[in-house]
Protein backbone atom coordinates (compact mmCIF):
# COMPACT_ATOMS: atom_id res chain seq x y z
CA MET A 1 -118.22 76.47 -7.18
CA VAL A 2 -119.55 72.93 -7.31
CA ARG A 3 -121.79 71.86 -4.49
CA THR A 4 -122.53 68.24 -3.73
CA PRO A 5 -126.19 67.72 -2.82
CA GLN A 6 -126.53 66.50 0.73
CA VAL A 7 -129.48 65.41 2.77
CA ALA A 8 -129.47 64.99 6.52
CA PHE A 9 -132.47 63.26 7.98
CA SER A 10 -133.56 61.76 11.24
CA PRO A 11 -134.64 58.12 10.93
CA SER A 12 -137.80 57.58 12.94
CA ALA A 13 -138.02 53.82 12.46
CA ASN A 14 -137.10 51.56 15.36
CA THR A 15 -136.17 48.67 13.07
CA ILE A 16 -134.06 48.21 9.96
CA SER A 17 -134.44 45.00 7.98
CA GLY A 18 -136.56 43.73 10.85
CA LEU A 19 -133.74 44.21 13.39
CA PRO A 20 -134.11 46.66 16.27
CA THR A 21 -132.04 49.82 16.22
CA SER A 22 -130.56 51.20 19.41
CA GLN A 23 -132.03 54.11 21.24
CA GLY A 24 -130.08 56.94 22.83
CA HIS A 25 -128.45 58.38 19.72
CA GLN A 26 -126.69 61.67 20.42
CA SER A 27 -127.16 64.16 17.59
CA THR A 28 -125.00 67.24 17.32
CA LEU A 29 -126.62 68.78 14.24
CA ARG A 30 -128.06 72.24 14.86
CA GLY A 31 -131.81 72.29 14.42
CA THR A 32 -132.41 68.70 15.54
CA GLN A 33 -133.74 67.46 18.83
CA ARG A 34 -131.25 65.99 21.29
CA GLY A 35 -131.12 62.21 21.01
CA GLN A 36 -132.32 61.92 17.40
CA ALA A 37 -130.41 59.57 15.11
CA ILE A 38 -128.91 61.60 12.27
CA THR A 39 -127.93 60.26 8.87
CA LEU A 40 -126.02 62.06 6.14
CA ILE A 41 -126.33 60.99 2.51
CA ASP A 42 -123.94 62.69 0.09
CA SER A 43 -124.66 61.95 -3.58
CA GLY A 44 -121.05 62.81 -4.48
CA THR A 45 -119.56 59.86 -2.60
CA SER A 46 -120.22 56.17 -2.07
CA LEU A 47 -120.29 56.75 1.69
CA ALA A 48 -123.28 57.30 3.92
CA TYR A 49 -122.80 58.37 7.52
CA ILE A 50 -125.42 56.50 9.51
CA PRO A 51 -125.59 54.96 12.99
CA SER A 52 -123.67 51.68 13.27
CA ASP A 53 -126.78 49.69 14.20
CA ALA A 54 -128.40 50.89 10.97
CA VAL A 55 -125.30 49.81 9.00
CA ASP A 56 -125.45 46.38 10.65
CA GLY A 57 -129.16 46.07 9.87
CA ILE A 58 -128.59 46.81 6.19
CA TYR A 59 -125.48 44.74 5.51
CA SER A 60 -126.45 41.76 7.68
CA VAL A 61 -129.19 40.79 5.23
CA ILE A 62 -126.98 40.88 2.12
CA GLU A 63 -126.02 37.34 1.12
CA GLY A 64 -122.28 36.77 1.39
CA ALA A 65 -121.59 39.95 3.40
CA VAL A 66 -118.87 39.59 6.04
CA HIS A 67 -118.60 41.76 9.14
CA VAL A 68 -115.03 42.33 10.35
CA LYS A 69 -114.84 43.93 13.77
CA THR A 70 -111.55 44.27 15.63
CA LYS A 71 -110.09 46.90 17.94
CA ASP A 72 -108.82 48.78 14.86
CA GLN A 73 -111.58 48.12 12.32
CA ASP A 74 -115.34 47.84 12.03
CA SER A 75 -116.16 47.13 8.37
CA TRP A 76 -118.57 45.19 6.22
CA TYR A 77 -117.37 43.53 3.01
CA VAL A 78 -119.91 42.57 0.37
CA PRO A 79 -119.46 40.52 -2.81
CA CYS A 80 -118.90 42.70 -5.89
CA ILE A 81 -121.67 40.88 -7.73
CA GLY A 82 -124.03 41.04 -4.76
CA GLN A 83 -127.36 42.76 -5.14
CA ALA A 84 -129.56 44.44 -2.59
CA ASN A 85 -132.79 46.37 -2.72
CA LEU A 86 -132.96 49.19 -0.20
CA SER A 87 -135.83 51.55 0.47
CA PHE A 88 -135.62 54.81 2.37
CA ILE A 89 -138.66 56.68 3.57
CA PHE A 90 -138.22 60.38 4.33
CA GLY A 91 -140.76 62.17 6.39
């Protein structure tokens, strides 16, 4: 059996890239307090499941990133040669 390492954490910061994050997140993960923002990072995929305001805060500061939001889609597209430095603090 192969297990993919996963980490779920509760971001405590109220800003991401200097932009405010929304309050009132509704967590459904057992063992967390109601209303905490929950993020899932899976090292076996390129996806991270984080609140949409956190996604917007990260991608909005990447040069050349384009946000496409319609009734059917809410995606960010970034240049393939784009670079970004991200820091995550756990604790």
